[in-house]
């Protein structure tokens, strides 16, 4: 079982991001790609002991069913919809930054220890810095507790990745056509299952896309509203309704919220583009 480089959470080989912290995963030894009939086909590695000369990942899929969603007791307001998405996106960004810093610190400690071991720097010169770095690691570790039950992945992102994975399997299956080790009947049965999985995931995706498009529109409206608030604050400061100190304070608050919404809007736009 592979694990995330940042949070050490177990991950599956076909995942592109960690389902715990949301970090993009780095894949080593990607399967070779060949072109066949103008279509990219993924194949496995060569194996002389295999009847076909290749190693293929298990192709038997578990059929993915679409579950009926329970209706929410009440429709969320635009602000509630935006805040629900924003909380996840912003919090996972903070979580990723925390985990990334922890990895960087541990790498620096390892390099310092290696330099001491190889007598490139004196031990007494490296120890103060190592102690400082270890104290920072302890602080970061304590902050990680805040994210203990936090899921960094939005439902739509998980559906998109699952569907992409099913599509890859279907392409891999097409690479087995004409292979004497697999009967035509088996290939047709597997192809039907993969296509059914893709169809079901697409249905689930369309439901989430409707919510996400509504969220994107609400985000745009919220940013316009915040920008207008900034302009009103400026006018109030110039007409003497509020002091310069009050204006600067509220300006900072509004500006921070605008930047927060910009980050969320950018991520939502990327998700919508990836879902095409």
Protein backbone atom coordinates (compact mmCIF):
# COMPACT_ATOMS: atom_id res chain seq x y z
CA UNK A 1 0.00 0.00 0.00
CA UNK A 2 1.37 3.42 -0.99
CA UNK A 3 1.19 6.43 1.29
CA UNK A 4 0.91 10.20 0.90
CA UNK A 5 4.28 11.92 0.99
CA UNK A 6 2.88 14.65 3.26
CA UNK A 7 0.38 13.18 5.73
CA UNK A 8 1.41 9.49 5.44
CA UNK A 9 -2.21 8.46 4.89
CA UNK A 10 -2.61 5.20 2.89
CA UNK A 11 -3.40 5.91 -0.78
CA UNK A 12 -4.24 3.77 -3.78
CA UNK A 13 -1.94 3.67 -6.80
CA UNK A 14 -4.49 5.19 -9.19
CA UNK A 15 -5.30 8.21 -7.01
CA UNK A 16 -4.01 11.59 -8.17
CA UNK A 17 -4.51 13.25 -4.79
CA UNK A 18 -4.69 12.17 -1.16
CA UNK A 19 -8.25 11.67 0.11
CA UNK A 20 -7.12 12.84 3.59
CA UNK A 21 -5.09 16.03 3.09
CA UNK A 22 -5.87 16.79 -0.57
CA UNK A 23 -2.21 16.92 -1.64
CA UNK A 24 -1.39 15.99 -5.24
CA UNK A 25 0.40 12.65 -5.32
CA UNK A 26 3.65 11.96 -7.11
CA UNK A 27 3.64 8.72 -9.09
CA UNK A 28 6.83 6.84 -9.87
CA UNK A 29 7.27 4.34 -12.68
CA UNK A 30 4.26 5.50 -14.67
CA UNK A 31 3.06 2.82 -17.13
CA UNK A 32 4.29 3.19 -20.68
CA UNK A 33 1.92 4.75 -23.20
CA UNK A 34 1.63 3.50 -26.77
CA UNK A 35 -0.45 4.84 -29.64
CA UNK A 36 -2.83 2.44 -31.35
CA UNK A 37 -5.40 3.53 -33.92
CA UNK A 38 -4.85 7.17 -32.92
CA UNK A 39 -5.85 6.36 -29.34
CA UNK A 40 -3.60 6.34 -26.28
CA UNK A 41 -3.59 2.91 -24.68
CA UNK A 42 -2.09 2.27 -21.23
CA UNK A 43 -0.21 -0.99 -20.93
CA UNK A 44 1.61 -2.72 -18.14
CA UNK A 45 5.26 -3.69 -17.81
CA UNK A 46 6.82 -6.57 -19.70
CA UNK A 47 6.98 -9.94 -17.93
CA UNK A 48 8.45 -12.96 -19.77
CA UNK A 49 6.76 -15.36 -17.33
CA UNK A 50 3.29 -14.06 -18.21
CA UNK A 51 1.32 -15.98 -20.90
CA UNK A 52 0.87 -12.71 -22.76
CA UNK A 53 4.32 -11.32 -21.96
CA UNK A 54 2.77 -8.48 -19.96
CA UNK A 55 1.54 -7.76 -16.44
CA UNK A 56 -1.88 -6.17 -16.29
CA UNK A 57 -3.62 -4.70 -13.27
CA UNK A 58 -6.75 -6.62 -12.21
CA UNK A 59 -9.54 -5.56 -14.54
CA UNK A 60 -12.50 -6.95 -12.62
CA UNK A 61 -14.33 -3.85 -11.39
CA UNK A 62 -16.88 -3.53 -8.67
CA UNK A 63 -19.98 -2.10 -10.27
CA UNK A 64 -20.57 1.43 -8.99
CA UNK A 65 -24.19 2.14 -8.17
CA UNK A 66 -25.83 5.53 -7.89
CA UNK A 67 -27.32 6.01 -4.46
CA UNK A 68 -30.40 8.13 -4.01
CA UNK A 69 -29.42 11.28 -2.18
CA UNK A 70 -31.47 12.33 0.81
CA UNK A 71 -33.08 15.69 0.25
CA UNK A 72 -31.87 18.44 2.54
CA UNK A 73 -34.46 19.73 4.96
CA UNK A 74 -34.06 23.22 3.54
CA UNK A 75 -32.26 24.79 0.60
CA UNK A 76 -29.01 26.44 1.55
CA UNK A 77 -28.72 30.18 1.04
CA UNK A 78 -26.03 31.42 -1.35
CA UNK A 79 -23.86 32.48 1.59
CA UNK A 80 -24.23 29.08 3.28
CA UNK A 81 -23.41 27.29 0.02
CA UNK A 82 -20.29 29.38 -0.52
CA UNK A 83 -19.13 29.02 3.08
CA UNK A 84 -19.48 25.24 3.04
CA UNK A 85 -17.21 24.94 -0.01
CA UNK A 86 -14.86 27.72 1.12
CA UNK A 87 -14.27 26.10 4.50
CA UNK A 88 -13.02 22.89 2.90
CA UNK A 89 -10.89 24.55 0.21
CA UNK A 90 -9.23 27.11 2.50
CA UNK A 91 -8.72 24.67 5.36
CA UNK A 92 -7.05 22.07 3.13
CA UNK A 93 -4.75 24.76 1.76
CA UNK A 94 -3.70 25.54 5.34
CA UNK A 95 -3.34 21.83 6.08
CA UNK A 96 -1.21 21.23 2.98
CA UNK A 97 1.03 24.20 3.85
CA UNK A 98 1.48 22.78 7.35
CA UNK A 99 2.37 19.30 6.10
CA UNK A 100 4.65 20.66 3.39
CA UNK A 101 6.56 22.70 5.96
CA UNK A 102 6.94 19.62 8.17
CA UNK A 103 8.45 17.65 5.27
CA UNK A 104 10.83 20.54 4.48
CA UNK A 105 11.97 20.73 8.10
CA UNK A 106 12.61 16.99 8.35
CA UNK A 107 14.56 17.12 5.09
CA UNK A 108 16.69 19.96 6.45
CA UNK A 109 17.35 18.01 9.67
CA UNK A 110 18.41 14.96 7.65
CA UNK A 111 20.78 17.08 5.55
CA UNK A 112 22.33 18.65 8.64
CA UNK A 113 22.82 15.24 10.26
CA UNK A 114 24.35 13.91 7.07
CA UNK A 115 26.76 16.85 6.89
CA UNK A 116 27.78 16.29 10.51
CA UNK A 117 28.25 12.57 9.84
CA UNK A 118 30.49 13.33 6.87
CA UNK A 119 32.39 15.93 8.93
CA UNK A 120 31.42 18.78 6.62
CA UNK A 121 30.32 20.91 9.59
CA UNK A 122 31.09 20.67 13.32
CA UNK A 123 28.47 18.95 15.48
CA UNK A 124 28.25 21.87 17.91
CA UNK A 125 27.49 24.18 14.98
CA UNK A 126 24.61 22.03 13.68
CA UNK A 127 22.95 21.12 17.01
CA UNK A 128 21.38 24.54 17.79
CA UNK A 129 19.72 24.64 14.36
CA UNK A 130 18.58 21.01 14.64
CA UNK A 131 17.06 21.74 18.06
CA UNK A 132 15.26 24.77 16.64
CA UNK A 133 13.88 22.73 13.73
CA UNK A 134 12.69 19.91 16.00
CA UNK A 135 10.83 22.41 18.18
CA UNK A 136 9.07 23.70 15.05
CA UNK A 137 8.13 20.13 14.10
CA UNK A 138 6.56 19.67 17.54
CA UNK A 139 4.51 22.85 17.09
CA UNK A 140 3.32 21.69 13.65
CA UNK A 141 2.46 18.23 14.99
CA UNK A 142 0.31 19.78 17.71
CA UNK A 143 -1.49 21.90 15.10
CA UNK A 144 -2.25 18.78 13.05
CA UNK A 145 -4.71 17.72 15.77
CA UNK A 146 -7.03 20.48 14.51
CA UNK A 147 -7.37 18.54 11.24
CA UNK A 148 -7.88 15.10 12.81
CA UNK A 149 -11.41 14.54 11.45
CA UNK A 150 -10.99 16.81 8.45
CA UNK A 151 -11.68 15.46 4.95
CA UNK A 152 -9.88 17.66 2.42
CA UNK A 153 -11.65 16.30 -0.66
CA UNK A 154 -14.96 17.59 -1.98
CA UNK A 155 -17.46 14.93 -3.14
CA UNK A 156 -17.25 16.18 -6.73
CA UNK A 157 -13.45 15.80 -6.79
CA UNK A 158 -13.67 12.21 -5.65
CA UNK A 159 -16.29 11.42 -8.31
CA UNK A 160 -14.16 13.05 -11.04
CA UNK A 161 -11.12 10.98 -10.09
CA UNK A 162 -13.13 7.75 -9.84
CA UNK A 163 -14.61 8.35 -13.29
CA UNK A 164 -11.19 9.16 -14.78
CA UNK A 165 -9.90 5.91 -13.29
CA UNK A 166 -12.73 3.91 -14.87
CA UNK A 167 -11.98 5.52 -18.22
CA UNK A 168 -8.31 4.52 -17.90
CA UNK A 169 -9.36 0.94 -17.17
CA UNK A 170 -11.55 0.95 -20.27
CA UNK A 171 -8.59 2.10 -22.39
CA UNK A 172 -6.41 -0.56 -20.80
CA UNK A 173 -9.07 -3.13 -21.61
CA UNK A 174 -9.10 -2.07 -25.27
CA UNK A 175 -5.37 -2.85 -25.34
CA UNK A 176 -6.21 -6.50 -24.60
CA UNK A 177 -8.35 -6.93 -27.71
CA UNK A 178 -6.79 -9.62 -29.88
CA UNK A 179 -4.91 -11.04 -26.90
CA UNK A 180 -5.33 -14.84 -27.01
CA UNK A 181 -5.15 -15.04 -23.20
CA UNK A 182 -8.57 -13.35 -22.91
CA UNK A 183 -11.77 -14.50 -24.65
CA UNK A 184 -13.97 -12.13 -26.57
CA UNK A 185 -16.91 -12.88 -24.26
CA UNK A 186 -14.88 -11.89 -21.18
CA UNK A 187 -13.72 -8.67 -22.84
CA UNK A 188 -17.29 -7.74 -23.78
CA UNK A 189 -18.53 -8.48 -20.26
CA UNK A 190 -15.78 -6.36 -18.72
CA UNK A 191 -16.35 -3.56 -21.21
CA UNK A 192 -20.05 -3.46 -20.30
CA UNK A 193 -19.20 -3.19 -16.60
CA UNK A 194 -16.70 -0.41 -17.09
CA UNK A 195 -19.10 1.57 -19.27
CA UNK A 196 -21.86 1.08 -16.69
CA UNK A 197 -19.55 2.38 -13.97
CA UNK A 198 -18.69 5.44 -16.06
CA UNK A 199 -22.38 6.05 -16.75
CA UNK A 200 -23.28 5.85 -13.05
CA UNK A 201 -20.42 8.11 -12.03
CA UNK A 202 -21.41 10.62 -14.72
CA UNK A 203 -24.93 10.70 -13.27
CA UNK A 204 -23.52 11.39 -9.79
CA UNK A 205 -21.16 13.98 -11.26
CA UNK A 206 -23.97 15.89 -12.97
CA UNK A 207 -25.78 16.22 -9.63
CA UNK A 208 -22.65 17.66 -7.99
CA UNK A 209 -21.92 19.89 -10.99
CA UNK A 210 -25.28 21.62 -10.60
CA UNK A 211 -24.38 22.45 -6.99
CA UNK A 212 -20.89 23.58 -7.97
CA UNK A 213 -22.12 25.89 -10.75
CA UNK A 214 -24.54 27.46 -8.29
CA UNK A 215 -21.65 27.90 -5.85
CA UNK A 216 -19.50 29.54 -8.54
CA UNK A 217 -22.26 32.05 -9.35
CA UNK A 218 -22.75 32.76 -5.64
CA UNK A 219 -18.99 33.31 -5.26
CA UNK A 220 -18.96 35.85 -8.07
CA UNK A 221 -21.90 37.71 -6.50
CA UNK A 222 -20.24 37.67 -3.08
CA UNK A 223 -17.01 39.15 -4.44
CA UNK A 224 -18.97 41.92 -6.18
CA UNK A 225 -20.78 42.63 -2.91
CA UNK A 226 -17.49 42.75 -0.98
CA UNK A 227 -15.96 45.08 -3.57
CA UNK A 228 -18.97 47.38 -3.24
CA UNK A 229 -18.57 47.33 0.55
CA UNK A 230 -14.98 48.52 0.11
CA UNK A 231 -16.13 51.40 -2.07
CA UNK A 232 -18.82 52.39 0.44
CA UNK A 233 -16.22 52.30 3.25
CA UNK A 234 -13.97 54.60 1.23
CA UNK A 235 -16.80 57.05 0.59
CA UNK A 236 -17.73 57.01 4.28
CA UNK A 237 -14.13 57.76 5.25
CA UNK A 238 -13.95 60.63 2.78
CA UNK A 239 -17.24 62.16 3.94
CA UNK A 240 -16.34 61.87 7.61
CA UNK A 241 -18.92 59.22 8.54
CA UNK A 242 -16.12 56.96 9.82
CA UNK A 243 -12.59 57.75 10.96
CA UNK A 244 -9.49 56.91 8.96
CA UNK A 245 -8.57 54.32 11.61
CA UNK A 246 -11.98 52.63 11.30
CA UNK A 247 -11.68 52.68 7.52
CA UNK A 248 -8.25 51.01 7.55
CA UNK A 249 -9.46 48.34 9.96
CA UNK A 250 -12.56 47.43 7.92
CA UNK A 251 -10.60 47.69 4.67
CA UNK A 252 -8.14 45.02 5.86
CA UNK A 253 -11.01 42.72 6.90
CA UNK A 254 -12.86 43.11 3.60
CA UNK A 255 -9.67 42.73 1.55
CA UNK A 256 -8.78 39.48 3.33
CA UNK A 257 -12.26 38.11 2.64
CA UNK A 258 -12.01 39.09 -1.04
CA UNK A 259 -8.66 37.25 -1.34
CA UNK A 260 -10.21 34.24 0.38
CA UNK A 261 -13.10 34.21 -2.09
CA UNK A 262 -10.69 34.57 -5.03
CA UNK A 263 -8.83 31.44 -3.93
CA UNK A 264 -12.08 29.51 -3.61
CA UNK A 265 -13.39 30.80 -6.96
CA UNK A 266 -10.16 29.73 -8.70
CA UNK A 267 -10.39 26.20 -7.25
CA UNK A 268 -14.09 25.88 -8.16
CA UNK A 269 -13.34 27.01 -11.73
CA UNK A 270 -10.58 24.38 -11.98
CA UNK A 271 -12.95 21.68 -10.73
CA UNK A 272 -15.61 22.67 -13.26
CA UNK A 273 -13.01 22.55 -16.07
CA UNK A 274 -11.73 19.13 -14.95
CA UNK A 275 -15.26 17.72 -14.91
CA UNK A 276 -15.74 18.29 -18.65
